[in-house]
Structures are given as structure tokens and as C-alpha cells.
Amino acid sequence: ATAIDLTPTFSLSHLGLLCARSMIRVGVELKGMVIAGCIAPINWPPTTADVEAIAADFIVPPEKMFERLQDVYQLNERQKREILAFLPRIANIIAHIVDERKSLVGRLEAIANLTQLKEY
């Protein structure tokens, strides 16, 4: 089996923007992910030809794409490193919340089972 690399790294999305993700693990299972996206790469904005190609792929008028080219996050290298550091921490917080909820539901079910009247 191939091991999945769970280390957050930036990669280019199908729109040419940077995105990164961190998996939410509950026990030994992967239950979700935290995503940071819409981050402009160094060579942003894309060329007119690239924008037109992306628009064609998504069947969107190119003018709509051109209108929104600046609606991205412009981050410096320090900010990008901070995002990569925070993603696993946020995923871990969510995992703890889910784990606590599972534990609480289990306790409430046990209490409910103890308090039910049994007929003999």
C-alpha cells in the first residue's frame, strides 16, 4: 500500500491558485480536512490565454474570470509558512472536538440505558 503524506504543502489548484490541506483524524480514521485556498502564486495573475483556457474548462465567460482575478489572497513567504503551521493545529482542534462529542454521546447513551425502566 502507498503511504499518504499528511504534511501540509502548497500545490497549484486547477485554477492556478495555491491551496493546502490538513487531514482531520479521529482515532485511526481520516474524517475530513481543513483547507486553505485561493492564495495567489508568485506569478499571479495568469496570462490572458491561461484565463481563457480556465474559463473554457469551467464553461464560464472569460470576462467573469477577469473581473475576479484580484479576489485572491496575496501572502508573503512568512504568511505561507504560518498557514502551513496552523493547518494541522486547526485540524487537531476539530479532531479533539469530534472525539469529545463521541465520548459525551457514549456517556449519555450509557446514562439513558441505566435509567430506562425494565419490565420483568
PDB file of N, CA and C in Angstrom:
ATOM      1  N   ALA A   1       0.841  -1.189   0.000  1.00  0.00           N
ATOM      2  CA  ALA A   1       0.000   0.000   0.000  1.00  0.00           C
ATOM      3  C   ALA A   1       0.881   1.246   0.000  1.00  0.00           C
ATOM      4  N   THR A   2       0.402   2.270  -0.638  1.00  0.00           N
ATOM      5  CA  THR A   2       1.127   3.535  -0.704  1.00  0.00           C
ATOM      6  C   THR A   2       0.767   4.389   0.498  1.00  0.00           C
ATOM      7  N   ALA A   3       1.776   4.931   1.161  1.00  0.00           N
ATOM      8  CA  ALA A   3       1.537   5.794   2.321  1.00  0.00           C
ATOM      9  C   ALA A   3       1.101   7.172   1.842  1.00  0.00           C
ATOM     10  N   ILE A   4       0.140   7.740   2.542  1.00  0.00           N
ATOM     11  CA  ILE A   4      -0.348   9.080   2.226  1.00  0.00           C
ATOM     12  C   ILE A   4       0.479  10.080   3.016  1.00  0.00           C
ATOM     13  N   ASP A   5       1.018  11.077   2.323  1.00  0.00           N
ATOM     14  CA  ASP A   5       1.771  12.135   3.001  1.00  0.00           C
ATOM     15  C   ASP A   5       0.772  13.124   3.589  1.00  0.00           C
ATOM     16  N   LEU A   6       0.738  13.229   4.904  1.00  0.00           N
ATOM     17  CA  LEU A   6      -0.220  14.100   5.579  1.00  0.00           C
ATOM     18  C   LEU A   6       0.362  15.468   5.915  1.00  0.00           C
ATOM     19  N   THR A   7       1.593  15.723   5.506  1.00  0.00           N
ATOM     20  CA  THR A   7       2.221  17.015   5.778  1.00  0.00           C
ATOM     21  C   THR A   7       1.627  18.075   4.859  1.00  0.00           C
ATOM     22  N   PRO A   8       1.104  19.172   5.426  1.00  0.00           N
ATOM     23  CA  PRO A   8       0.542  20.216   4.562  1.00  0.00           C
ATOM     24  C   PRO A   8       1.621  20.872   3.702  1.00  0.00           C
ATOM     25  N   THR A   9       1.346  20.974   2.430  1.00  0.00           N
ATOM     26  CA  THR A   9       2.204  21.685   1.490  1.00  0.00           C
ATOM     27  C   THR A   9       1.302  22.419   0.507  1.00  0.00           C
ATOM     28  N   PHE A  10       1.822  23.472  -0.064  1.00  0.00           N
ATOM     29  CA  PHE A  10       1.050  24.192  -1.071  1.00  0.00           C
ATOM     30  C   PHE A  10       1.201  23.500  -2.415  1.00  0.00           C
ATOM     31  N   SER A  11       0.097  23.409  -3.131  1.00  0.00           N
ATOM     32  CA  SER A  11       0.114  22.902  -4.502  1.00  0.00           C
ATOM     33  C   SER A  11      -0.813  23.773  -5.333  1.00  0.00           C
ATOM     34  N   LEU A  12      -0.617  23.722  -6.634  1.00  0.00           N
ATOM     35  CA  LEU A  12      -1.454  24.523  -7.525  1.00  0.00           C
ATOM     36  C   LEU A  12      -2.778  23.813  -7.774  1.00  0.00           C
ATOM     37  N   SER A  13      -3.857  24.557  -7.658  1.00  0.00           N
ATOM     38  CA  SER A  13      -5.180  24.013  -7.958  1.00  0.00           C
ATOM     39  C   SER A  13      -5.435  24.093  -9.454  1.00  0.00           C
ATOM     40  N   HIS A  14      -6.565  23.565  -9.870  1.00  0.00           N
ATOM     41  CA  HIS A  14      -6.937  23.600 -11.283  1.00  0.00           C
ATOM     42  C   HIS A  14      -7.175  25.028 -11.782  1.00  0.00           C
ATOM     43  N   LEU A  15      -7.306  25.987 -10.861  1.00  0.00           N
ATOM     44  CA  LEU A  15      -7.466  27.391 -11.245  1.00  0.00           C
ATOM     45  C   LEU A  15      -6.143  28.150 -11.240  1.00  0.00           C
ATOM     46  N   GLY A  16      -5.054  27.454 -10.910  1.00  0.00           N
ATOM     47  CA  GLY A  16      -3.755  28.112 -10.871  1.00  0.00           C
ATOM     48  C   GLY A  16      -3.464  28.804  -9.556  1.00  0.00           C
ATOM     49  N   LEU A  17      -4.301  28.564  -8.546  1.00  0.00           N
ATOM     50  CA  LEU A  17      -4.112  29.161  -7.220  1.00  0.00           C
ATOM     51  C   LEU A  17      -3.488  28.140  -6.283  1.00  0.00           C
ATOM     52  N   LEU A  18      -2.813  28.630  -5.258  1.00  0.00           N
ATOM     53  CA  LEU A  18      -2.219  27.746  -4.262  1.00  0.00           C
ATOM     54  C   LEU A  18      -3.271  27.302  -3.261  1.00  0.00           C
ATOM     55  N   CYS A  19      -3.161  26.046  -2.838  1.00  0.00           N
ATOM     56  CA  CYS A  19      -4.027  25.541  -1.778  1.00  0.00           C
ATOM     57  C   CYS A  19      -3.225  24.519  -0.966  1.00  0.00           C
ATOM     58  N   ALA A  20      -3.635  24.337   0.273  1.00  0.00           N
ATOM     59  CA  ALA A  20      -3.007  23.351   1.154  1.00  0.00           C
ATOM     60  C   ALA A  20      -4.101  22.745   2.009  1.00  0.00           C
ATOM     61  N   ARG A  21      -3.840  21.549   2.523  1.00  0.00           N
ATOM     62  CA  ARG A  21      -4.841  20.892   3.347  1.00  0.00           C
ATOM     63  C   ARG A  21      -4.176  20.121   4.480  1.00  0.00           C
ATOM     64  N   SER A  22      -4.960  19.931   5.527  1.00  0.00           N
ATOM     65  CA  SER A  22      -4.520  19.107   6.643  1.00  0.00           C
ATOM     66  C   SER A  22      -5.677  18.188   7.000  1.00  0.00           C
ATOM     67  N   MET A  23      -5.373  16.923   7.177  1.00  0.00           N
ATOM     68  CA  MET A  23      -6.420  15.936   7.429  1.00  0.00           C
ATOM     69  C   MET A  23      -6.864  15.959   8.890  1.00  0.00           C
ATOM     70  N   ILE A  24      -8.152  15.696   9.088  1.00  0.00           N
ATOM     71  CA  ILE A  24      -8.725  15.579  10.428  1.00  0.00           C
ATOM     72  C   ILE A  24      -8.806  14.087  10.738  1.00  0.00           C
ATOM     73  N   ARG A  25      -8.041  13.665  11.744  1.00  0.00           N
ATOM     74  CA  ARG A  25      -8.014  12.261  12.143  1.00  0.00           C
ATOM     75  C   ARG A  25      -8.773  12.090  13.448  1.00  0.00           C
ATOM     76  N   VAL A  26      -9.669  11.121  13.450  1.00  0.00           N
ATOM     77  CA  VAL A  26     -10.375  10.756  14.676  1.00  0.00           C
ATOM     78  C   VAL A  26     -10.056   9.283  14.902  1.00  0.00           C
ATOM     79  N   GLY A  27      -9.276   9.019  15.938  1.00  0.00           N
ATOM     80  CA  GLY A  27      -8.772   7.668  16.128  1.00  0.00           C
ATOM     81  C   GLY A  27      -7.799   7.360  15.003  1.00  0.00           C
ATOM     82  N   VAL A  28      -8.038   6.249  14.325  1.00  0.00           N
ATOM     83  CA  VAL A  28      -7.172   5.877  13.205  1.00  0.00           C
ATOM     84  C   VAL A  28      -7.796   6.225  11.855  1.00  0.00           C
ATOM     85  N   GLU A  29      -8.967   6.849  11.882  1.00  0.00           N
ATOM     86  CA  GLU A  29      -9.676   7.170  10.642  1.00  0.00           C
ATOM     87  C   GLU A  29      -9.502   8.630  10.240  1.00  0.00           C
ATOM     88  N   LEU A  30      -9.428   8.855   8.933  1.00  0.00           N
ATOM     89  CA  LEU A  30      -9.441  10.213   8.402  1.00  0.00           C
ATOM     90  C   LEU A  30     -10.901  10.585   8.178  1.00  0.00           C
ATOM     91  N   LYS A  31     -11.342  11.657   8.833  1.00  0.00           N
ATOM     92  CA  LYS A  31     -12.758  12.035   8.800  1.00  0.00           C
ATOM     93  C   LYS A  31     -13.039  13.287   7.984  1.00  0.00           C
ATOM     94  N   GLY A  32     -12.030  14.080   7.689  1.00  0.00           N
ATOM     95  CA  GLY A  32     -12.254  15.320   6.956  1.00  0.00           C
ATOM     96  C   GLY A  32     -10.938  16.036   6.732  1.00  0.00           C
ATOM     97  N   MET A  33     -11.050  17.278   6.287  1.00  0.00           N
ATOM     98  CA  MET A  33      -9.836  18.066   6.089  1.00  0.00           C
ATOM     99  C   MET A  33     -10.123  19.544   6.269  1.00  0.00           C
ATOM    100  N   VAL A  34      -9.078  20.252   6.639  1.00  0.00           N
ATOM    101  CA  VAL A  34      -9.103  21.710   6.725  1.00  0.00           C
ATOM    102  C   VAL A  34      -8.335  22.200   5.501  1.00  0.00           C
ATOM    103  N   ILE A  35      -8.942  23.131   4.770  1.00  0.00           N
ATOM    104  CA  ILE A  35      -8.344  23.598   3.522  1.00  0.00           C
ATOM    105  C   ILE A  35      -8.073  25.093   3.591  1.00  0.00           C
ATOM    106  N   ALA A  36      -6.903  25.481   3.120  1.00  0.00           N
ATOM    107  CA  ALA A  36      -6.578  26.897   2.913  1.00  0.00           C
ATOM    108  C   ALA A  36      -6.370  27.057   1.414  1.00  0.00           C
ATOM    109  N   GLY A  37      -7.105  27.964   0.814  1.00  0.00           N
ATOM    110  CA  GLY A  37      -7.005  28.097  -0.629  1.00  0.00           C
ATOM    111  C   GLY A  37      -7.188  29.519  -1.099  1.00  0.00           C
ATOM    112  N   CYS A  38      -7.242  29.652  -2.402  1.00  0.00           N
ATOM    113  CA  CYS A  38      -7.443  30.949  -3.056  1.00  0.00           C
ATOM    114  C   CYS A  38      -6.251  31.874  -2.802  1.00  0.00           C
ATOM    115  N   ILE A  39      -5.056  31.274  -2.735  1.00  0.00           N
ATOM    116  CA  ILE A  39      -3.833  32.030  -2.472  1.00  0.00           C
ATOM    117  C   ILE A  39      -3.077  32.197  -3.789  1.00  0.00           C
ATOM    118  N   ALA A  40      -2.749  33.430  -4.105  1.00  0.00           N
ATOM    119  CA  ALA A  40      -2.078  33.727  -5.373  1.00  0.00           C
ATOM    120  C   ALA A  40      -0.641  33.222  -5.355  1.00  0.00           C
ATOM    121  N   PRO A  41      -0.230  32.525  -6.418  1.00  0.00           N
ATOM    122  CA  PRO A  41       1.182  32.170  -6.530  1.00  0.00           C
ATOM    123  C   PRO A  41       1.999  33.407  -6.911  1.00  0.00           C
ATOM    124  N   ILE A  42       3.295  33.264  -6.944  1.00  0.00           N
ATOM    125  CA  ILE A  42       4.176  34.395  -7.252  1.00  0.00           C
ATOM    126  C   ILE A  42       3.853  34.994  -8.620  1.00  0.00           C
ATOM    127  N   ASN A  43       3.564  34.146  -9.597  1.00  0.00           N
ATOM    128  CA  ASN A  43       3.326  34.623 -10.965  1.00  0.00           C
ATOM    129  C   ASN A  43       1.839  34.916 -11.233  1.00  0.00           C
ATOM    130  N   TRP A  44       1.185  35.577 -10.316  1.00  0.00           N
ATOM    131  CA  TRP A  44      -0.226  35.928 -10.462  1.00  0.00           C
ATOM    132  C   TRP A  44      -0.342  37.362 -10.927  1.00  0.00           C
ATOM    133  N   PRO A  45      -1.224  37.759 -11.752  1.00  0.00           N
ATOM    134  CA  PRO A  45      -2.310  36.985 -12.359  1.00  0.00           C
ATOM    135  C   PRO A  45      -1.822  36.172 -13.558  1.00  0.00           C
ATOM    136  N   PRO A  46      -2.620  35.189 -13.954  1.00  0.00           N
ATOM    137  CA  PRO A  46      -2.247  34.374 -15.107  1.00  0.00           C
ATOM    138  C   PRO A  46      -2.363  35.172 -16.408  1.00  0.00           C
ATOM    139  N   THR A  47      -1.798  34.617 -17.435  1.00  0.00           N
ATOM    140  CA  THR A  47      -1.866  35.273 -18.744  1.00  0.00           C
ATOM    141  C   THR A  47      -3.296  35.249 -19.273  1.00  0.00           C
ATOM    142  N   THR A  48      -3.562  36.092 -20.228  1.00  0.00           N
ATOM    143  CA  THR A  48      -4.887  36.132 -20.855  1.00  0.00           C
ATOM    144  C   THR A  48      -5.247  34.767 -21.430  1.00  0.00           C
ATOM    145  N   ALA A  49      -4.293  34.127 -22.075  1.00  0.00           N
ATOM    146  CA  ALA A  49      -4.541  32.798 -22.657  1.00  0.00           C
ATOM    147  C   ALA A  49      -4.885  31.779 -21.574  1.00  0.00           C
ATOM    148  N   ASP A  50      -4.181  31.831 -20.439  1.00  0.00           N
ATOM    149  CA  ASP A  50      -4.465  30.906 -19.333  1.00  0.00           C
ATOM    150  C   ASP A  50      -5.858  31.146 -18.759  1.00  0.00           C
ATOM    151  N   VAL A  51      -6.225  32.407 -18.575  1.00  0.00           N
ATOM    152  CA  VAL A  51      -7.554  32.731 -18.040  1.00  0.00           C
ATOM    153  C   VAL A  51      -8.631  32.241 -18.999  1.00  0.00           C
ATOM    154  N   GLU A  52      -8.429  32.454 -20.279  1.00  0.00           N
ATOM    155  CA  GLU A  52      -9.416  31.997 -21.264  1.00  0.00           C
ATOM    156  C   GLU A  52      -9.530  30.476 -21.274  1.00  0.00           C
ATOM    157  N   ALA A  53      -8.410  29.772 -21.096  1.00  0.00           N
ATOM    158  CA  ALA A  53      -8.435  28.307 -21.048  1.00  0.00           C
ATOM    159  C   ALA A  53      -9.177  27.815 -19.808  1.00  0.00           C
ATOM    160  N   ILE A  54      -8.911  28.441 -18.665  1.00  0.00           N
ATOM    161  CA  ILE A  54      -9.610  28.067 -17.428  1.00  0.00           C
ATOM    162  C   ILE A  54     -11.102  28.331 -17.580  1.00  0.00           C
ATOM    163  N   ALA A  55     -11.461  29.479 -18.129  1.00  0.00           N
ATOM    164  CA  ALA A  55     -12.869  29.823 -18.334  1.00  0.00           C
ATOM    165  C   ALA A  55     -13.542  28.799 -19.244  1.00  0.00           C
ATOM    166  N   ALA A  56     -12.856  28.386 -20.288  1.00  0.00           N
ATOM    167  CA  ALA A  56     -13.417  27.382 -21.197  1.00  0.00           C
ATOM    168  C   ALA A  56     -13.620  26.049 -20.487  1.00  0.00           C
ATOM    169  N   ASP A  57     -12.648  25.652 -19.640  1.00  0.00           N
ATOM    170  CA  ASP A  57     -12.768  24.394 -18.890  1.00  0.00           C
ATOM    171  C   ASP A  57     -14.003  24.380 -17.999  1.00  0.00           C
ATOM    172  N   PHE A  58     -14.335  25.536 -17.432  1.00  0.00           N
ATOM    173  CA  PHE A  58     -15.456  25.618 -16.495  1.00  0.00           C
ATOM    174  C   PHE A  58     -16.726  26.194 -17.125  1.00  0.00           C
ATOM    175  N   ILE A  59     -16.681  26.409 -18.432  1.00  0.00           N
ATOM    176  CA  ILE A  59     -17.821  26.956 -19.177  1.00  0.00           C
ATOM    177  C   ILE A  59     -18.314  28.241 -18.510  1.00  0.00           C
ATOM    178  N   VAL A  60     -17.374  29.137 -18.284  1.00  0.00           N
ATOM    179  CA  VAL A  60     -17.642  30.441 -17.675  1.00  0.00           C
ATOM    180  C   VAL A  60     -17.168  31.501 -18.665  1.00  0.00           C
ATOM    181  N   PRO A  61     -17.919  32.578 -18.831  1.00  0.00           N
ATOM    182  CA  PRO A  61     -17.430  33.637 -19.716  1.00  0.00           C
ATOM    183  C   PRO A  61     -16.094  34.190 -19.199  1.00  0.00           C
ATOM    184  N   PRO A  62     -15.098  34.332 -20.059  1.00  0.00           N
ATOM    185  CA  PRO A  62     -13.787  34.830 -19.622  1.00  0.00           C
ATOM    186  C   PRO A  62     -13.872  36.170 -18.900  1.00  0.00           C
ATOM    187  N   GLU A  63     -14.839  37.021 -19.303  1.00  0.00           N
ATOM    188  CA  GLU A  63     -14.967  38.329 -18.633  1.00  0.00           C
ATOM    189  C   GLU A  63     -15.213  38.169 -17.138  1.00  0.00           C
ATOM    190  N   LYS A  64     -15.998  37.139 -16.777  1.00  0.00           N
ATOM    191  CA  LYS A  64     -16.270  36.884 -15.349  1.00  0.00           C
ATOM    192  C   LYS A  64     -14.982  36.530 -14.616  1.00  0.00           C
ATOM    193  N   MET A  65     -14.132  35.771 -15.269  1.00  0.00           N
ATOM    194  CA  MET A  65     -12.852  35.405 -14.659  1.00  0.00           C
ATOM    195  C   MET A  65     -11.966  36.640 -14.499  1.00  0.00           C
ATOM    196  N   PHE A  66     -11.897  37.454 -15.545  1.00  0.00           N
ATOM    197  CA  PHE A  66     -11.057  38.660 -15.492  1.00  0.00           C
ATOM    198  C   PHE A  66     -11.523  39.617 -14.398  1.00  0.00           C
ATOM    199  N   GLU A  67     -12.846  39.675 -14.158  1.00  0.00           N
ATOM    200  CA  GLU A  67     -13.393  40.559 -13.119  1.00  0.00           C
ATOM    201  C   GLU A  67     -12.917  40.152 -11.727  1.00  0.00           C
ATOM    202  N   ARG A  68     -12.611  38.890 -11.546  1.00  0.00           N
ATOM    203  CA  ARG A  68     -12.305  38.359 -10.210  1.00  0.00           C
ATOM    204  C   ARG A  68     -10.838  37.992  -9.998  1.00  0.00           C
ATOM    205  N   LEU A  69      -9.971  38.343 -10.909  1.00  0.00           N
ATOM    206  CA  LEU A  69      -8.567  37.946 -10.790  1.00  0.00           C
ATOM    207  C   LEU A  69      -7.887  38.475  -9.534  1.00  0.00           C
ATOM    208  N   GLN A  70      -8.339  39.583  -9.003  1.00  0.00           N
ATOM    209  CA  GLN A  70      -7.698  40.146  -7.807  1.00  0.00           C
ATOM    210  C   GLN A  70      -8.375  39.701  -6.511  1.00  0.00           C
ATOM    211  N   ASP A  71      -9.430  38.880  -6.618  1.00  0.00           N
ATOM    212  CA  ASP A  71     -10.122  38.386  -5.424  1.00  0.00           C
ATOM    213  C   ASP A  71      -9.416  37.152  -4.867  1.00  0.00           C
ATOM    214  N   VAL A  72      -8.143  37.290  -4.624  1.00  0.00           N
ATOM    215  CA  VAL A  72      -7.316  36.211  -4.092  1.00  0.00           C
ATOM    216  C   VAL A  72      -6.502  36.758  -2.923  1.00  0.00           C
ATOM    217  N   TYR A  73      -5.926  35.860  -2.157  1.00  0.00           N
ATOM    218  CA  TYR A  73      -5.066  36.275  -1.048  1.00  0.00           C
ATOM    219  C   TYR A  73      -3.635  36.402  -1.554  1.00  0.00           C
ATOM    220  N   GLN A  74      -3.032  37.530  -1.302  1.00  0.00           N
ATOM    221  CA  GLN A  74      -1.629  37.768  -1.648  1.00  0.00           C
ATOM    222  C   GLN A  74      -0.832  37.634  -0.348  1.00  0.00           C
ATOM    223  N   LEU A  75      -0.063  36.569  -0.220  1.00  0.00           N
ATOM    224  CA  LEU A  75       0.674  36.309   1.015  1.00  0.00           C
ATOM    225  C   LEU A  75       2.175  36.284   0.755  1.00  0.00           C
ATOM    226  N   ASN A  76       2.926  36.753   1.748  1.00  0.00           N
ATOM    227  CA  ASN A  76       4.377  36.641   1.640  1.00  0.00           C
ATOM    228  C   ASN A  76       4.804  35.264   2.165  1.00  0.00           C
ATOM    229  N   GLU A  77       6.076  34.955   2.057  1.00  0.00           N
ATOM    230  CA  GLU A  77       6.565  33.624   2.444  1.00  0.00           C
ATOM    231  C   GLU A  77       6.341  33.333   3.927  1.00  0.00           C
ATOM    232  N   ARG A  78       6.511  34.326   4.783  1.00  0.00           N
ATOM    233  CA  ARG A  78       6.279  34.127   6.217  1.00  0.00           C
ATOM    234  C   ARG A  78       4.826  33.744   6.471  1.00  0.00           C
ATOM    235  N   GLN A  79       3.902  34.437   5.826  1.00  0.00           N
ATOM    236  CA  GLN A  79       2.480  34.142   5.999  1.00  0.00           C
ATOM    237  C   GLN A  79       2.138  32.739   5.487  1.00  0.00           C
ATOM    238  N   LYS A  80       2.750  32.340   4.401  1.00  0.00           N
ATOM    239  CA  LYS A  80       2.515  30.988   3.875  1.00  0.00           C
ATOM    240  C   LYS A  80       3.019  29.932   4.850  1.00  0.00           C
ATOM    241  N   ARG A  81       4.193  30.168   5.443  1.00  0.00           N
ATOM    242  CA  ARG A  81       4.727  29.225   6.444  1.00  0.00           C
ATOM    243  C   ARG A  81       3.800  29.140   7.649  1.00  0.00           C
ATOM    244  N   GLU A  82       3.252  30.290   8.066  1.00  0.00           N
ATOM    245  CA  GLU A  82       2.330  30.297   9.204  1.00  0.00           C
ATOM    246  C   GLU A  82       1.080  29.480   8.903  1.00  0.00           C
ATOM    247  N   ILE A  83       0.555  29.615   7.699  1.00  0.00           N
ATOM    248  CA  ILE A  83      -0.628  28.834   7.324  1.00  0.00           C
ATOM    249  C   ILE A  83      -0.315  27.348   7.390  1.00  0.00           C
ATOM    250  N   LEU A  84       0.827  26.949   6.836  1.00  0.00           N
ATOM    251  CA  LEU A  84       1.199  25.533   6.866  1.00  0.00           C
ATOM    252  C   LEU A  84       1.380  25.031   8.292  1.00  0.00           C
ATOM    253  N   ALA A  85       1.826  25.894   9.190  1.00  0.00           N
ATOM    254  CA  ALA A  85       1.984  25.504  10.595  1.00  0.00           C
ATOM    255  C   ALA A  85       0.639  25.427  11.309  1.00  0.00           C
ATOM    256  N   PHE A  86      -0.285  26.312  10.955  1.00  0.00           N
ATOM    257  CA  PHE A  86      -1.576  26.352  11.643  1.00  0.00           C
ATOM    258  C   PHE A  86      -2.560  25.293  11.155  1.00  0.00           C
ATOM    259  N   LEU A  87      -2.479  24.874   9.907  1.00  0.00           N
ATOM    260  CA  LEU A  87      -3.444  23.905   9.386  1.00  0.00           C
ATOM    261  C   LEU A  87      -3.537  22.639  10.240  1.00  0.00           C
ATOM    262  N   PRO A  88      -2.413  21.975  10.587  1.00  0.00           N
ATOM    263  CA  PRO A  88      -2.527  20.772  11.409  1.00  0.00           C
ATOM    264  C   PRO A  88      -3.060  21.069  12.808  1.00  0.00           C
ATOM    265  N   ARG A  89      -2.745  22.241  13.331  1.00  0.00           N
ATOM    266  CA  ARG A  89      -3.245  22.597  14.662  1.00  0.00           C
ATOM    267  C   ARG A  89      -4.762  22.752  14.637  1.00  0.00           C
ATOM    268  N   ILE A  90      -5.275  23.392  13.586  1.00  0.00           N
ATOM    269  CA  ILE A  90      -6.723  23.559  13.456  1.00  0.00           C
ATOM    270  C   ILE A  90      -7.386  22.198  13.262  1.00  0.00           C
ATOM    271  N   ALA A  91      -6.799  21.352  12.415  1.00  0.00           N
ATOM    272  CA  ALA A  91      -7.343  20.011  12.202  1.00  0.00           C
ATOM    273  C   ALA A  91      -7.354  19.224  13.506  1.00  0.00           C
ATOM    274  N   ASN A  92      -6.305  19.381  14.308  1.00  0.00           N
ATOM    275  CA  ASN A  92      -6.219  18.685  15.590  1.00  0.00           C
ATOM    276  C   ASN A  92      -7.294  19.169  16.562  1.00  0.00           C
ATOM    277  N   ILE A  93      -7.556  20.469  16.578  1.00  0.00           N
ATOM    278  CA  ILE A  93      -8.611  21.012  17.440  1.00  0.00           C
ATOM    279  C   ILE A  93      -9.961  20.425  17.048  1.00  0.00           C
ATOM    280  N   ILE A  94     -10.233  20.381  15.746  1.00  0.00           N
ATOM    281  CA  ILE A  94     -11.501  19.809  15.282  1.00  0.00           C
ATOM    282  C   ILE A  94     -11.584  18.337  15.662  1.00  0.00           C
ATOM    283  N   ALA A  95     -10.479  17.602  15.508  1.00  0.00           N
ATOM    284  CA  ALA A  95     -10.463  16.187  15.878  1.00  0.00           C
ATOM    285  C   ALA A  95     -10.762  16.007  17.362  1.00  0.00           C
ATOM    286  N   HIS A  96     -10.210  16.868  18.210  1.00  0.00           N
ATOM    287  CA  HIS A  96     -10.488  16.784  19.650  1.00  0.00           C
ATOM    288  C   HIS A  96     -11.955  17.068  19.940  1.00  0.00           C
ATOM    289  N   ILE A  97     -12.530  18.043  19.258  1.00  0.00           N
ATOM    290  CA  ILE A  97     -13.950  18.358  19.453  1.00  0.00           C
ATOM    291  C   ILE A  97     -14.810  17.155  19.064  1.00  0.00           C
ATOM    292  N   VAL A  98     -14.499  16.534  17.923  1.00  0.00           N
ATOM    293  CA  VAL A  98     -15.256  15.360  17.477  1.00  0.00           C
ATOM    294  C   VAL A  98     -15.089  14.222  18.471  1.00  0.00           C
ATOM    295  N   ASP A  99     -13.863  14.006  18.945  1.00  0.00           N
ATOM    296  CA  ASP A  99     -13.598  12.939  19.908  1.00  0.00           C
ATOM    297  C   ASP A  99     -14.356  13.175  21.217  1.00  0.00           C
ATOM    298  N   GLU A 100     -14.344  14.415  21.697  1.00  0.00           N
ATOM    299  CA  GLU A 100     -15.086  14.744  22.920  1.00  0.00           C
ATOM    300  C   GLU A 100     -16.579  14.526  22.730  1.00  0.00           C
ATOM    301  N   ARG A 101     -17.094  14.900  21.560  1.00  0.00           N
ATOM    302  CA  ARG A 101     -18.515  14.710  21.279  1.00  0.00           C
ATOM    303  C   ARG A 101     -18.859  13.222  21.292  1.00  0.00           C
ATOM    304  N   LYS A 102     -18.005  12.403  20.645  1.00  0.00           N
ATOM    305  CA  LYS A 102     -18.248  10.957  20.640  1.00  0.00           C
ATOM    306  C   LYS A 102     -18.266  10.406  22.061  1.00  0.00           C
ATOM    307  N   SER A 103     -17.344  10.867  22.876  1.00  0.00           N
ATOM    308  CA  SER A 103     -17.274  10.421  24.263  1.00  0.00           C
ATOM    309  C   SER A 103     -18.522  10.831  25.035  1.00  0.00           C
ATOM    310  N   LEU A 104     -18.950  12.073  24.844  1.00  0.00           N
ATOM    311  CA  LEU A 104     -20.139  12.571  25.533  1.00  0.00           C
ATOM    312  C   LEU A 104     -21.381  11.803  25.103  1.00  0.00           C
ATOM    313  N   VAL A 105     -21.531  11.562  23.816  1.00  0.00           N
ATOM    314  CA  VAL A 105     -22.688  10.805  23.327  1.00  0.00           C
ATOM    315  C   VAL A 105     -22.678   9.407  23.929  1.00  0.00           C
ATOM    316  N   GLY A 106     -21.508   8.792  24.008  1.00  0.00           N
ATOM    317  CA  GLY A 106     -21.410   7.466  24.615  1.00  0.00           C
ATOM    318  C   GLY A 106     -21.836   7.473  26.075  1.00  0.00           C
ATOM    319  N   ARG A 107     -21.401   8.487  26.822  1.00  0.00           N
ATOM    320  CA  ARG A 107     -21.801   8.587  28.228  1.00  0.00           C
ATOM    321  C   ARG A 107     -23.299   8.828  28.366  1.00  0.00           C
ATOM    322  N   LEU A 108     -23.851   9.690  27.519  1.00  0.00           N
ATOM    323  CA  LEU A 108     -25.290   9.963  27.576  1.00  0.00           C
ATOM    324  C   LEU A 108     -26.103   8.721  27.229  1.00  0.00           C
ATOM    325  N   GLU A 109     -25.638   7.942  26.263  1.00  0.00           N
ATOM    326  CA  GLU A 109     -26.330   6.692  25.933  1.00  0.00           C
ATOM    327  C   GLU A 109     -26.266   5.714  27.101  1.00  0.00           C
ATOM    328  N   ALA A 110     -25.124   5.646  27.778  1.00  0.00           N
ATOM    329  CA  ALA A 110     -24.993   4.760  28.937  1.00  0.00           C
ATOM    330  C   ALA A 110     -25.934   5.192  30.054  1.00  0.00           C
ATOM    331  N   ILE A 111     -26.032   6.499  30.293  1.00  0.00           N
ATOM    332  CA  ILE A 111     -26.953   7.017  31.312  1.00  0.00           C
ATOM    333  C   ILE A 111     -28.389   6.699  30.926  1.00  0.00           C
ATOM    334  N   ALA A 112     -28.724   6.893  29.661  1.00  0.00           N
ATOM    335  CA  ALA A 112     -30.084   6.602  29.204  1.00  0.00           C
ATOM    336  C   ALA A 112     -30.410   5.131  29.388  1.00  0.00           C
ATOM    337  N   ASN A 113     -29.459   4.251  29.112  1.00  0.00           N
ATOM    338  CA  ASN A 113     -29.693   2.816  29.294  1.00  0.00           C
ATOM    339  C   ASN A 113     -29.878   2.462  30.760  1.00  0.00           C
ATOM    340  N   LEU A 114     -29.166   3.134  31.654  1.00  0.00           N
ATOM    341  CA  LEU A 114     -29.298   2.865  33.085  1.00  0.00           C
ATOM    342  C   LEU A 114     -30.629   3.340  33.640  1.00  0.00           C
ATOM    343  N   THR A 115     -31.155   4.390  33.067  1.00  0.00           N
ATOM    344  CA  THR A 115     -32.376   4.984  33.622  1.00  0.00           C
ATOM    345  C   THR A 115     -33.653   4.442  33.009  1.00  0.00           C
ATOM    346  N   GLN A 116     -33.546   3.586  32.021  1.00  0.00           N
ATOM    347  CA  GLN A 116     -34.757   3.024  31.429  1.00  0.00           C
ATOM    348  C   GLN A 116     -35.366   2.008  32.381  1.00  0.00           C
ATOM    349  N   LEU A 117     -36.702   2.055  32.500  1.00  0.00           N
ATOM    350  CA  LEU A 117     -37.412   1.075  33.322  1.00  0.00           C
ATOM    351  C   LEU A 117     -37.458  -0.247  32.579  1.00  0.00           C
ATOM    352  N   LYS A 118     -37.119  -1.290  33.287  1.00  0.00           N
ATOM    353  CA  LYS A 118     -37.140  -2.613  32.666  1.00  0.00           C
ATOM    354  C   LYS A 118     -38.325  -3.388  33.211  1.00  0.00           C
ATOM    355  N   GLU A 119     -39.005  -4.086  32.323  1.00  0.00           N
ATOM    356  CA  GLU A 119     -40.138  -4.909  32.739  1.00  0.00           C
ATOM    357  C   GLU A 119     -39.648  -6.332  32.954  1.00  0.00           C
ATOM    358  N   TYR A 120     -40.097  -6.918  34.051  1.00  0.00           N
ATOM    359  CA  TYR A 120     -39.721  -8.305  34.349  1.00  0.00           C
ATOM    360  C   TYR A 120     -40.903  -9.198  34.283  1.00  0.00           C
TER     361      TYR A 120
END
